[in-house]
Amino acid sequence: MPLGGLWGTSHRGEPPLFPVPGRAGRYGSVQRHHTGCGLLDLTEDFRHERELEVGQRPSWADESFKDLDQEVRQPIERVRTSPFLPHRDDIRGFVFDVTTGRLREVAPA
């Protein structure tokens, strides 16, 4: 992506907090996740353990996932198809490898 506006997202792919206008009105969006994420392969056992610790079953969904690349592609598609975002021409996704420090681009679906 050339220098210009960039929209970033949170860990779970929620929309960005603020847009940054780019040169010549160009905008972009970056979706990113990282290896070693605690949500990878999280099981129902986690919720059960919290229930045993606290005495109450968690009411929230754990939102775990098994496929890191797919977890990056999902918000790319959400941004790409959103009628609320006027600039959807440059959307890219990456996985940051916490071991090597490398950033790997994920091809869109």
PDB file of N, CA and C in Angstrom:
ATOM      1  N   MET A   1       0.848  -1.170   0.000  1.00  0.00           N
ATOM      2  CA  MET A   1       0.000   0.000   0.000  1.00  0.00           C
ATOM      3  C   MET A   1       0.891   1.231   0.000  1.00  0.00           C
ATOM      4  N   PRO A   2       0.705   2.151  -0.941  1.00  0.00           N
ATOM      5  CA  PRO A   2       1.495   3.367  -0.926  1.00  0.00           C
ATOM      6  C   PRO A   2       1.112   4.210   0.280  1.00  0.00           C
ATOM      7  N   LEU A   3       1.960   5.158   0.601  1.00  0.00           N
ATOM      8  CA  LEU A   3       1.641   6.040   1.719  1.00  0.00           C
ATOM      9  C   LEU A   3       0.316   6.722   1.465  1.00  0.00           C
ATOM     10  N   GLY A   4      -0.451   6.840   2.467  1.00  0.00           N
ATOM     11  CA  GLY A   4      -1.771   7.450   2.336  1.00  0.00           C
ATOM     12  C   GLY A   4      -2.573   7.129   3.566  1.00  0.00           C
ATOM     13  N   GLY A   5      -3.879   7.183   3.430  1.00  0.00           N
ATOM     14  CA  GLY A   5      -4.733   6.904   4.570  1.00  0.00           C
ATOM     15  C   GLY A   5      -4.733   5.432   4.891  1.00  0.00           C
ATOM     16  N   LEU A   6      -4.911   5.129   6.143  1.00  0.00           N
ATOM     17  CA  LEU A   6      -4.908   3.741   6.568  1.00  0.00           C
ATOM     18  C   LEU A   6      -5.949   3.579   7.650  1.00  0.00           C
ATOM     19  N   TRP A   7      -6.758   2.558   7.515  1.00  0.00           N
ATOM     20  CA  TRP A   7      -7.703   2.207   8.564  1.00  0.00           C
ATOM     21  C   TRP A   7      -7.209   0.930   9.184  1.00  0.00           C
ATOM     22  N   GLY A   8      -7.082   0.891  10.479  1.00  0.00           N
ATOM     23  CA  GLY A   8      -6.702  -0.329  11.168  1.00  0.00           C
ATOM     24  C   GLY A   8      -7.890  -0.869  11.920  1.00  0.00           C
ATOM     25  N   THR A   9      -7.795  -2.102  12.351  1.00  0.00           N
ATOM     26  CA  THR A   9      -8.894  -2.675  13.118  1.00  0.00           C
ATOM     27  C   THR A   9      -8.369  -3.271  14.402  1.00  0.00           C
ATOM     28  N   SER A  10      -9.284  -3.528  15.278  1.00  0.00           N
ATOM     29  CA  SER A  10      -8.931  -4.175  16.525  1.00  0.00           C
ATOM     30  C   SER A  10      -8.670  -5.659  16.276  1.00  0.00           C
ATOM     31  N   HIS A  11      -8.310  -6.345  17.317  1.00  0.00           N
ATOM     32  CA  HIS A  11      -7.986  -7.768  17.239  1.00  0.00           C
ATOM     33  C   HIS A  11      -9.107  -8.587  16.618  1.00  0.00           C
ATOM     34  N   ARG A  12     -10.348  -8.275  16.932  1.00  0.00           N
ATOM     35  CA  ARG A  12     -11.484  -9.072  16.440  1.00  0.00           C
ATOM     36  C   ARG A  12     -12.067  -8.514  15.156  1.00  0.00           C
ATOM     37  N   GLY A  13     -11.412  -7.539  14.536  1.00  0.00           N
ATOM     38  CA  GLY A  13     -11.865  -7.057  13.248  1.00  0.00           C
ATOM     39  C   GLY A  13     -12.994  -6.045  13.296  1.00  0.00           C
ATOM     40  N   GLU A  14     -13.229  -5.417  14.457  1.00  0.00           N
ATOM     41  CA  GLU A  14     -14.257  -4.395  14.514  1.00  0.00           C
ATOM     42  C   GLU A  14     -13.813  -3.211  13.665  1.00  0.00           C
ATOM     43  N   PRO A  15     -14.768  -2.372  13.237  1.00  0.00           N
ATOM     44  CA  PRO A  15     -14.402  -1.214  12.428  1.00  0.00           C
ATOM     45  C   PRO A  15     -13.410  -0.322  13.164  1.00  0.00           C
ATOM     46  N   PRO A  16     -12.635   0.442  12.414  1.00  0.00           N
ATOM     47  CA  PRO A  16     -11.635   1.309  13.026  1.00  0.00           C
ATOM     48  C   PRO A  16     -12.287   2.414  13.836  1.00  0.00           C
ATOM     49  N   LEU A  17     -11.540   2.952  14.768  1.00  0.00           N
ATOM     50  CA  LEU A  17     -12.058   4.040  15.581  1.00  0.00           C
ATOM     51  C   LEU A  17     -12.117   5.343  14.800  1.00  0.00           C
ATOM     52  N   PHE A  18     -11.184   5.533  13.878  1.00  0.00           N
ATOM     53  CA  PHE A  18     -11.181   6.763  13.101  1.00  0.00           C
ATOM     54  C   PHE A  18     -10.494   6.534  11.760  1.00  0.00           C
ATOM     55  N   PRO A  19     -10.986   7.201  10.721  1.00  0.00           N
ATOM     56  CA  PRO A  19     -10.328   7.118   9.417  1.00  0.00           C
ATOM     57  C   PRO A  19      -9.227   8.167   9.334  1.00  0.00           C
ATOM     58  N   VAL A  20      -8.210   7.874   8.582  1.00  0.00           N
ATOM     59  CA  VAL A  20      -7.153   8.839   8.324  1.00  0.00           C
ATOM     60  C   VAL A  20      -7.149   9.079   6.821  1.00  0.00           C
ATOM     61  N   PRO A  21      -7.508  10.299   6.385  1.00  0.00           N
ATOM     62  CA  PRO A  21      -7.577  10.527   4.946  1.00  0.00           C
ATOM     63  C   PRO A  21      -6.206  10.401   4.311  1.00  0.00           C
ATOM     64  N   GLY A  22      -6.182   9.808   3.157  1.00  0.00           N
ATOM     65  CA  GLY A  22      -4.927   9.599   2.454  1.00  0.00           C
ATOM     66  C   GLY A  22      -4.682  10.663   1.413  1.00  0.00           C
ATOM     67  N   ARG A  23      -3.553  10.564   0.760  1.00  0.00           N
ATOM     68  CA  ARG A  23      -3.229  11.466  -0.336  1.00  0.00           C
ATOM     69  C   ARG A  23      -4.204  11.219  -1.468  1.00  0.00           C
ATOM     70  N   ALA A  24      -4.590  12.273  -2.128  1.00  0.00           N
ATOM     71  CA  ALA A  24      -5.492  12.196  -3.281  1.00  0.00           C
ATOM     72  C   ALA A  24      -6.781  11.453  -2.934  1.00  0.00           C
ATOM     73  N   GLY A  25      -7.209  11.549  -1.663  1.00  0.00           N
ATOM     74  CA  GLY A  25      -8.469  10.928  -1.261  1.00  0.00           C
ATOM     75  C   GLY A  25      -8.429   9.424  -1.181  1.00  0.00           C
ATOM     76  N   ARG A  26      -7.252   8.830  -1.129  1.00  0.00           N
ATOM     77  CA  ARG A  26      -7.123   7.370  -1.092  1.00  0.00           C
ATOM     78  C   ARG A  26      -7.164   6.880   0.355  1.00  0.00           C
ATOM     79  N   TYR A  27      -7.863   5.800   0.574  1.00  0.00           N
ATOM     80  CA  TYR A  27      -7.957   5.190   1.890  1.00  0.00           C
ATOM     81  C   TYR A  27      -7.565   3.724   1.793  1.00  0.00           C
ATOM     82  N   GLY A  28      -7.211   3.149   2.902  1.00  0.00           N
ATOM     83  CA  GLY A  28      -6.922   1.727   2.927  1.00  0.00           C
ATOM     84  C   GLY A  28      -7.406   1.138   4.233  1.00  0.00           C
ATOM     85  N   SER A  29      -7.412  -0.173   4.305  1.00  0.00           N
ATOM     86  CA  SER A  29      -7.817  -0.863   5.519  1.00  0.00           C
ATOM     87  C   SER A  29      -6.886  -2.046   5.721  1.00  0.00           C
ATOM     88  N   VAL A  30      -6.449  -2.226   6.954  1.00  0.00           N
ATOM     89  CA  VAL A  30      -5.569  -3.341   7.287  1.00  0.00           C
ATOM     90  C   VAL A  30      -6.229  -4.163   8.381  1.00  0.00           C
ATOM     91  N   GLN A  31      -6.332  -5.458   8.145  1.00  0.00           N
ATOM     92  CA  GLN A  31      -6.822  -6.402   9.137  1.00  0.00           C
ATOM     93  C   GLN A  31      -5.618  -7.218   9.577  1.00  0.00           C
ATOM     94  N   ARG A  32      -5.450  -7.427  10.866  1.00  0.00           N
ATOM     95  CA  ARG A  32      -4.283  -8.199  11.295  1.00  0.00           C
ATOM     96  C   ARG A  32      -4.606  -9.037  12.526  1.00  0.00           C
ATOM     97  N   HIS A  33      -3.930 -10.170  12.567  1.00  0.00           N
ATOM     98  CA  HIS A  33      -3.977 -11.075  13.716  1.00  0.00           C
ATOM     99  C   HIS A  33      -2.555 -11.536  13.980  1.00  0.00           C
ATOM    100  N   HIS A  34      -2.376 -12.372  14.978  1.00  0.00           N
ATOM    101  CA  HIS A  34      -1.015 -12.820  15.295  1.00  0.00           C
ATOM    102  C   HIS A  34      -1.005 -14.294  15.663  1.00  0.00           C
ATOM    103  N   THR A  35       0.139 -14.908  15.425  1.00  0.00           N
ATOM    104  CA  THR A  35       0.310 -16.304  15.820  1.00  0.00           C
ATOM    105  C   THR A  35       0.327 -16.368  17.345  1.00  0.00           C
ATOM    106  N   GLY A  36       0.048 -17.529  17.874  1.00  0.00           N
ATOM    107  CA  GLY A  36       0.066 -17.706  19.323  1.00  0.00           C
ATOM    108  C   GLY A  36      -1.110 -17.058  20.026  1.00  0.00           C
ATOM    109  N   CYS A  37      -2.126 -16.683  19.285  1.00  0.00           N
ATOM    110  CA  CYS A  37      -3.288 -16.017  19.867  1.00  0.00           C
ATOM    111  C   CYS A  37      -3.989 -16.963  20.841  1.00  0.00           C
ATOM    112  N   GLY A  38      -4.398 -16.439  21.968  1.00  0.00           N
ATOM    113  CA  GLY A  38      -5.077 -17.246  22.971  1.00  0.00           C
ATOM    114  C   GLY A  38      -6.439 -17.750  22.525  1.00  0.00           C
ATOM    115  N   LEU A  39      -7.012 -17.131  21.490  1.00  0.00           N
ATOM    116  CA  LEU A  39      -8.315 -17.579  21.000  1.00  0.00           C
ATOM    117  C   LEU A  39      -8.211 -18.744  20.029  1.00  0.00           C
ATOM    118  N   LEU A  40      -6.999 -19.019  19.542  1.00  0.00           N
ATOM    119  CA  LEU A  40      -6.806 -20.175  18.667  1.00  0.00           C
ATOM    120  C   LEU A  40      -7.041 -21.444  19.474  1.00  0.00           C
ATOM    121  N   ASP A  41      -7.893 -22.275  18.987  1.00  0.00           N
ATOM    122  CA  ASP A  41      -8.157 -23.580  19.599  1.00  0.00           C
ATOM    123  C   ASP A  41      -8.707 -23.513  21.020  1.00  0.00           C
ATOM    124  N   LEU A  42      -9.287 -22.396  21.396  1.00  0.00           N
ATOM    125  CA  LEU A  42      -9.952 -22.304  22.691  1.00  0.00           C
ATOM    126  C   LEU A  42     -11.160 -23.232  22.666  1.00  0.00           C
ATOM    127  N   THR A  43     -11.361 -23.975  23.723  1.00  0.00           N
ATOM    128  CA  THR A  43     -12.460 -24.936  23.737  1.00  0.00           C
ATOM    129  C   THR A  43     -13.486 -24.564  24.802  1.00  0.00           C
ATOM    130  N   GLU A  44     -14.544 -25.305  24.815  1.00  0.00           N
ATOM    131  CA  GLU A  44     -15.595 -25.116  25.816  1.00  0.00           C
ATOM    132  C   GLU A  44     -15.052 -25.374  27.223  1.00  0.00           C
ATOM    133  N   ASP A  45     -13.946 -26.104  27.322  1.00  0.00           N
ATOM    134  CA  ASP A  45     -13.321 -26.336  28.630  1.00  0.00           C
ATOM    135  C   ASP A  45     -12.973 -25.028  29.324  1.00  0.00           C
ATOM    136  N   PHE A  46     -12.574 -24.041  28.543  1.00  0.00           N
ATOM    137  CA  PHE A  46     -12.221 -22.736  29.110  1.00  0.00           C
ATOM    138  C   PHE A  46     -13.412 -22.127  29.849  1.00  0.00           C
ATOM    139  N   ARG A  47     -14.571 -22.145  29.201  1.00  0.00           N
ATOM    140  CA  ARG A  47     -15.775 -21.603  29.844  1.00  0.00           C
ATOM    141  C   ARG A  47     -16.133 -22.422  31.087  1.00  0.00           C
ATOM    142  N   HIS A  48     -15.968 -23.738  31.005  1.00  0.00           N
ATOM    143  CA  HIS A  48     -16.272 -24.600  32.142  1.00  0.00           C
ATOM    144  C   HIS A  48     -15.339 -24.285  33.317  1.00  0.00           C
ATOM    145  N   GLU A  49     -14.063 -24.071  33.028  1.00  0.00           N
ATOM    146  CA  GLU A  49     -13.103 -23.718  34.083  1.00  0.00           C
ATOM    147  C   GLU A  49     -13.470 -22.394  34.746  1.00  0.00           C
ATOM    148  N   ARG A  50     -13.915 -21.413  33.948  1.00  0.00           N
ATOM    149  CA  ARG A  50     -14.336 -20.126  34.525  1.00  0.00           C
ATOM    150  C   ARG A  50     -15.549 -20.328  35.425  1.00  0.00           C
ATOM    151  N   GLU A  51     -16.456 -21.217  35.009  1.00  0.00           N
ATOM    152  CA  GLU A  51     -17.635 -21.497  35.812  1.00  0.00           C
ATOM    153  C   GLU A  51     -17.240 -22.096  37.158  1.00  0.00           C
ATOM    154  N   LEU A  52     -16.283 -23.019  37.136  1.00  0.00           N
ATOM    155  CA  LEU A  52     -15.824 -23.623  38.386  1.00  0.00           C
ATOM    156  C   LEU A  52     -15.123 -22.611  39.274  1.00  0.00           C
ATOM    157  N   GLU A  53     -14.362 -21.706  38.691  1.00  0.00           N
ATOM    158  CA  GLU A  53     -13.642 -20.678  39.452  1.00  0.00           C
ATOM    159  C   GLU A  53     -14.582 -19.686  40.114  1.00  0.00           C
ATOM    160  N   VAL A  54     -15.573 -19.223  39.348  1.00  0.00           N
ATOM    161  CA  VAL A  54     -16.412 -18.109  39.782  1.00  0.00           C
ATOM    162  C   VAL A  54     -17.746 -18.559  40.348  1.00  0.00           C
ATOM    163  N   GLY A  55     -18.186 -19.764  39.946  1.00  0.00           N
ATOM    164  CA  GLY A  55     -19.474 -20.242  40.405  1.00  0.00           C
ATOM    165  C   GLY A  55     -20.619 -19.829  39.502  1.00  0.00           C
ATOM    166  N   GLN A  56     -20.297 -19.281  38.359  1.00  0.00           N
ATOM    167  CA  GLN A  56     -21.317 -18.852  37.410  1.00  0.00           C
ATOM    168  C   GLN A  56     -20.781 -19.057  35.991  1.00  0.00           C
ATOM    169  N   ARG A  57     -21.644 -19.567  35.129  1.00  0.00           N
ATOM    170  CA  ARG A  57     -21.237 -19.801  33.736  1.00  0.00           C
ATOM    171  C   ARG A  57     -21.119 -18.468  33.004  1.00  0.00           C
ATOM    172  N   PRO A  58     -20.032 -18.253  32.264  1.00  0.00           N
ATOM    173  CA  PRO A  58     -19.891 -17.007  31.506  1.00  0.00           C
ATOM    174  C   PRO A  58     -21.028 -16.851  30.498  1.00  0.00           C
ATOM    175  N   SER A  59     -21.552 -15.648  30.398  1.00  0.00           N
ATOM    176  CA  SER A  59     -22.651 -15.393  29.459  1.00  0.00           C
ATOM    177  C   SER A  59     -22.134 -15.023  28.072  1.00  0.00           C
ATOM    178  N   TRP A  60     -20.856 -14.715  27.958  1.00  0.00           N
ATOM    179  CA  TRP A  60     -20.279 -14.313  26.683  1.00  0.00           C
ATOM    180  C   TRP A  60     -19.802 -15.510  25.877  1.00  0.00           C
ATOM    181  N   ALA A  61     -19.781 -15.300  24.565  1.00  0.00           N
ATOM    182  CA  ALA A  61     -19.260 -16.329  23.661  1.00  0.00           C
ATOM    183  C   ALA A  61     -17.743 -16.217  23.632  1.00  0.00           C
ATOM    184  N   ASP A  62     -17.066 -17.342  23.534  1.00  0.00           N
ATOM    185  CA  ASP A  62     -15.599 -17.295  23.546  1.00  0.00           C
ATOM    186  C   ASP A  62     -15.012 -16.819  22.220  1.00  0.00           C
ATOM    187  N   GLU A  63     -15.764 -16.903  21.134  1.00  0.00           N
ATOM    188  CA  GLU A  63     -15.325 -16.450  19.812  1.00  0.00           C
ATOM    189  C   GLU A  63     -13.969 -17.023  19.408  1.00  0.00           C
ATOM    190  N   SER A  64     -13.754 -18.277  19.736  1.00  0.00           N
ATOM    191  CA  SER A  64     -12.506 -18.928  19.350  1.00  0.00           C
ATOM    192  C   SER A  64     -12.534 -19.260  17.865  1.00  0.00           C
ATOM    193  N   PHE A  65     -11.384 -19.605  17.343  1.00  0.00           N
ATOM    194  CA  PHE A  65     -11.278 -19.977  15.938  1.00  0.00           C
ATOM    195  C   PHE A  65     -10.146 -20.962  15.754  1.00  0.00           C
ATOM    196  N   LYS A  66     -10.168 -21.658  14.637  1.00  0.00           N
ATOM    197  CA  LYS A  66      -9.160 -22.684  14.355  1.00  0.00           C
ATOM    198  C   LYS A  66      -8.231 -22.280  13.219  1.00  0.00           C
ATOM    199  N   ASP A  67      -8.709 -21.430  12.300  1.00  0.00           N
ATOM    200  CA  ASP A  67      -7.971 -21.076  11.101  1.00  0.00           C
ATOM    201  C   ASP A  67      -7.617 -19.588  11.138  1.00  0.00           C
ATOM    202  N   LEU A  68      -6.367 -19.290  11.395  1.00  0.00           N
ATOM    203  CA  LEU A  68      -5.912 -17.916  11.538  1.00  0.00           C
ATOM    204  C   LEU A  68      -6.112 -17.116  10.248  1.00  0.00           C
ATOM    205  N   ASP A  69      -5.788 -17.700   9.095  1.00  0.00           N
ATOM    206  CA  ASP A  69      -5.960 -16.988   7.833  1.00  0.00           C
ATOM    207  C   ASP A  69      -7.425 -16.658   7.571  1.00  0.00           C
ATOM    208  N   GLN A  70      -8.310 -17.601   7.861  1.00  0.00           N
ATOM    209  CA  GLN A  70      -9.736 -17.343   7.669  1.00  0.00           C
ATOM    210  C   GLN A  70     -10.210 -16.253   8.628  1.00  0.00           C
ATOM    211  N   GLU A  71      -9.644 -16.200   9.799  1.00  0.00           N
ATOM    212  CA  GLU A  71     -10.008 -15.181  10.779  1.00  0.00           C
ATOM    213  C   GLU A  71      -9.583 -13.795  10.298  1.00  0.00           C
ATOM    214  N   VAL A  72      -8.580 -13.711   9.454  1.00  0.00           N
ATOM    215  CA  VAL A  72      -8.179 -12.449   8.833  1.00  0.00           C
ATOM    216  C   VAL A  72      -9.094 -12.142   7.648  1.00  0.00           C
ATOM    217  N   ARG A  73      -9.436 -13.147   6.856  1.00  0.00           N
ATOM    218  CA  ARG A  73     -10.279 -12.942   5.664  1.00  0.00           C
ATOM    219  C   ARG A  73     -11.688 -12.475   6.013  1.00  0.00           C
ATOM    220  N   GLN A  74     -12.212 -12.938   7.125  1.00  0.00           N
ATOM    221  CA  GLN A  74     -13.596 -12.606   7.494  1.00  0.00           C
ATOM    222  C   GLN A  74     -13.808 -11.094   7.643  1.00  0.00           C
ATOM    223  N   PRO A  75     -12.988 -10.375   8.399  1.00  0.00           N
ATOM    224  CA  PRO A  75     -13.212  -8.928   8.479  1.00  0.00           C
ATOM    225  C   PRO A  75     -12.879  -8.191   7.180  1.00  0.00           C
ATOM    226  N   ILE A  76     -11.976  -8.757   6.362  1.00  0.00           N
ATOM    227  CA  ILE A  76     -11.708  -8.149   5.052  1.00  0.00           C
ATOM    228  C   ILE A  76     -13.009  -8.124   4.253  1.00  0.00           C
ATOM    229  N   GLU A  77     -13.707  -9.239   4.252  1.00  0.00           N
ATOM    230  CA  GLU A  77     -14.959  -9.321   3.510  1.00  0.00           C
ATOM    231  C   GLU A  77     -16.020  -8.411   4.128  1.00  0.00           C
ATOM    232  N   ARG A  78     -16.046  -8.320   5.460  1.00  0.00           N
ATOM    233  CA  ARG A  78     -17.004  -7.440   6.134  1.00  0.00           C
ATOM    234  C   ARG A  78     -16.773  -5.988   5.733  1.00  0.00           C
ATOM    235  N   VAL A  79     -15.512  -5.569   5.697  1.00  0.00           N
ATOM    236  CA  VAL A  79     -15.191  -4.196   5.296  1.00  0.00           C
ATOM    237  C   VAL A  79     -15.507  -3.999   3.820  1.00  0.00           C
ATOM    238  N   ARG A  80     -15.121  -4.956   2.999  1.00  0.00           N
ATOM    239  CA  ARG A  80     -15.317  -4.857   1.547  1.00  0.00           C
ATOM    240  C   ARG A  80     -16.794  -4.718   1.176  1.00  0.00           C
ATOM    241  N   THR A  81     -17.684  -5.342   1.930  1.00  0.00           N
ATOM    242  CA  THR A  81     -19.103  -5.328   1.589  1.00  0.00           C
ATOM    243  C   THR A  81     -19.927  -4.352   2.423  1.00  0.00           C
ATOM    244  N   SER A  82     -19.296  -3.592   3.292  1.00  0.00           N
ATOM    245  CA  SER A  82     -20.039  -2.662   4.148  1.00  0.00           C
ATOM    246  C   SER A  82     -20.560  -1.469   3.350  1.00  0.00           C
ATOM    247  N   PRO A  83     -21.843  -1.203   3.424  1.00  0.00           N
ATOM    248  CA  PRO A  83     -22.380  -0.024   2.743  1.00  0.00           C
ATOM    249  C   PRO A  83     -22.044   1.276   3.487  1.00  0.00           C
ATOM    250  N   PHE A  84     -21.515   1.164   4.695  1.00  0.00           N
ATOM    251  CA  PHE A  84     -21.235   2.335   5.515  1.00  0.00           C
ATOM    252  C   PHE A  84     -19.833   2.900   5.319  1.00  0.00           C
ATOM    253  N   LEU A  85     -18.979   2.171   4.623  1.00  0.00           N
ATOM    254  CA  LEU A  85     -17.610   2.626   4.387  1.00  0.00           C
ATOM    255  C   LEU A  85     -17.472   3.022   2.919  1.00  0.00           C
ATOM    256  N   PRO A  86     -17.238   4.289   2.659  1.00  0.00           N
ATOM    257  CA  PRO A  86     -17.184   4.734   1.272  1.00  0.00           C
ATOM    258  C   PRO A  86     -15.914   4.308   0.531  1.00  0.00           C
ATOM    259  N   HIS A  87     -14.845   4.034   1.238  1.00  0.00           N
ATOM    260  CA  HIS A  87     -13.571   3.702   0.604  1.00  0.00           C
ATOM    261  C   HIS A  87     -13.215   2.247   0.910  1.00  0.00           C
ATOM    262  N   ARG A  88     -13.422   1.383  -0.068  1.00  0.00           N
ATOM    263  CA  ARG A  88     -13.202  -0.046   0.127  1.00  0.00           C
ATOM    264  C   ARG A  88     -12.315  -0.630  -0.965  1.00  0.00           C
ATOM    265  N   ASP A  89     -11.461   0.203  -1.542  1.00  0.00           N
ATOM    266  CA  ASP A  89     -10.685  -0.245  -2.693  1.00  0.00           C
ATOM    267  C   ASP A  89      -9.357  -0.903  -2.334  1.00  0.00           C
ATOM    268  N   ASP A  90      -8.858  -0.666  -1.151  1.00  0.00           N
ATOM    269  CA  ASP A  90      -7.554  -1.224  -0.783  1.00  0.00           C
ATOM    270  C   ASP A  90      -7.644  -1.835   0.611  1.00  0.00           C
ATOM    271  N   ILE A  91      -8.004  -3.106   0.668  1.00  0.00           N
ATOM    272  CA  ILE A  91      -8.176  -3.804   1.940  1.00  0.00           C
ATOM    273  C   ILE A  91      -7.215  -4.981   1.942  1.00  0.00           C
ATOM    274  N   ARG A  92      -6.370  -5.039   2.953  1.00  0.00           N
ATOM    275  CA  ARG A  92      -5.371  -6.107   3.018  1.00  0.00           C
ATOM    276  C   ARG A  92      -5.362  -6.717   4.407  1.00  0.00           C
ATOM    277  N   GLY A  93      -4.939  -7.968   4.482  1.00  0.00           N
ATOM    278  CA  GLY A  93      -4.892  -8.669   5.756  1.00  0.00           C
ATOM    279  C   GLY A  93      -3.532  -9.295   5.979  1.00  0.00           C
ATOM    280  N   PHE A  94      -3.127  -9.358   7.239  1.00  0.00           N
ATOM    281  CA  PHE A  94      -1.811  -9.858   7.596  1.00  0.00           C
ATOM    282  C   PHE A  94      -1.868 -10.699   8.858  1.00  0.00           C
ATOM    283  N   VAL A  95      -0.914 -11.596   8.981  1.00  0.00           N
ATOM    284  CA  VAL A  95      -0.693 -12.349  10.213  1.00  0.00           C
ATOM    285  C   VAL A  95       0.715 -11.999  10.670  1.00  0.00           C
ATOM    286  N   PHE A  96       0.822 -11.547  11.906  1.00  0.00           N
ATOM    287  CA  PHE A  96       2.122 -11.247  12.497  1.00  0.00           C
ATOM    288  C   PHE A  96       2.603 -12.489  13.232  1.00  0.00           C
ATOM    289  N   ASP A  97       3.778 -12.970  12.864  1.00  0.00           N
ATOM    290  CA  ASP A  97       4.368 -14.131  13.524  1.00  0.00           C
ATOM    291  C   ASP A  97       5.163 -13.638  14.731  1.00  0.00           C
ATOM    292  N   VAL A  98       4.678 -13.929  15.930  1.00  0.00           N
ATOM    293  CA  VAL A  98       5.325 -13.413  17.143  1.00  0.00           C
ATOM    294  C   VAL A  98       6.691 -14.045  17.398  1.00  0.00           C
ATOM    295  N   THR A  99       6.962 -15.180  16.788  1.00  0.00           N
ATOM    296  CA  THR A  99       8.258 -15.844  16.960  1.00  0.00           C
ATOM    297  C   THR A  99       9.327 -15.221  16.083  1.00  0.00           C
ATOM    298  N   THR A 100       8.997 -15.003  14.812  1.00  0.00           N
ATOM    299  CA  THR A 100       9.985 -14.496  13.858  1.00  0.00           C
ATOM    300  C   THR A 100       9.945 -12.979  13.694  1.00  0.00           C
ATOM    301  N   GLY A 101       8.836 -12.365  14.092  1.00  0.00           N
ATOM    302  CA  GLY A 101       8.681 -10.938  13.898  1.00  0.00           C
ATOM    303  C   GLY A 101       8.282 -10.571  12.472  1.00  0.00           C
ATOM    304  N   ARG A 102       7.958 -11.570  11.676  1.00  0.00           N
ATOM    305  CA  ARG A 102       7.598 -11.311  10.273  1.00  0.00           C
ATOM    306  C   ARG A 102       6.093 -11.125  10.119  1.00  0.00           C
ATOM    307  N   LEU A 103       5.760 -10.328   9.140  1.00  0.00           N
ATOM    308  CA  LEU A 103       4.377 -10.074   8.785  1.00  0.00           C
ATOM    309  C   LEU A 103       4.092 -10.786   7.465  1.00  0.00           C
ATOM    310  N   ARG A 104       3.080 -11.634   7.457  1.00  0.00           N
ATOM    311  CA  ARG A 104       2.726 -12.406   6.268  1.00  0.00           C
ATOM    312  C   ARG A 104       1.360 -11.947   5.768  1.00  0.00           C
ATOM    313  N   GLU A 105       1.307 -11.589   4.490  1.00  0.00           N
ATOM    314  CA  GLU A 105       0.041 -11.159   3.916  1.00  0.00           C
ATOM    315  C   GLU A 105      -0.858 -12.368   3.651  1.00  0.00           C
ATOM    316  N   VAL A 106      -2.142 -12.201   3.920  1.00  0.00           N
ATOM    317  CA  VAL A 106      -3.150 -13.233   3.688  1.00  0.00           C
ATOM    318  C   VAL A 106      -3.944 -12.832   2.461  1.00  0.00           C
ATOM    319  N   ALA A 107      -4.011 -13.733   1.488  1.00  0.00           N
ATOM    320  CA  ALA A 107      -4.781 -13.460   0.270  1.00  0.00           C
ATOM    321  C   ALA A 107      -6.258 -13.424   0.611  1.00  0.00           C
ATOM    322  N   PRO A 108      -6.998 -12.485   0.024  1.00  0.00           N
ATOM    323  CA  PRO A 108      -8.453 -12.450   0.272  1.00  0.00           C
ATOM    324  C   PRO A 108      -9.130 -13.684  -0.306  1.00  0.00           C
ATOM    325  N   ALA A 109     -10.333 -13.941   0.170  1.00  0.00           N
ATOM    326  CA  ALA A 109     -11.090 -15.120  -0.295  1.00  0.00           C
ATOM    327  C   ALA A 109     -11.472 -14.973  -1.745  1.00  0.00           C
TER     328      ALA A 109
END
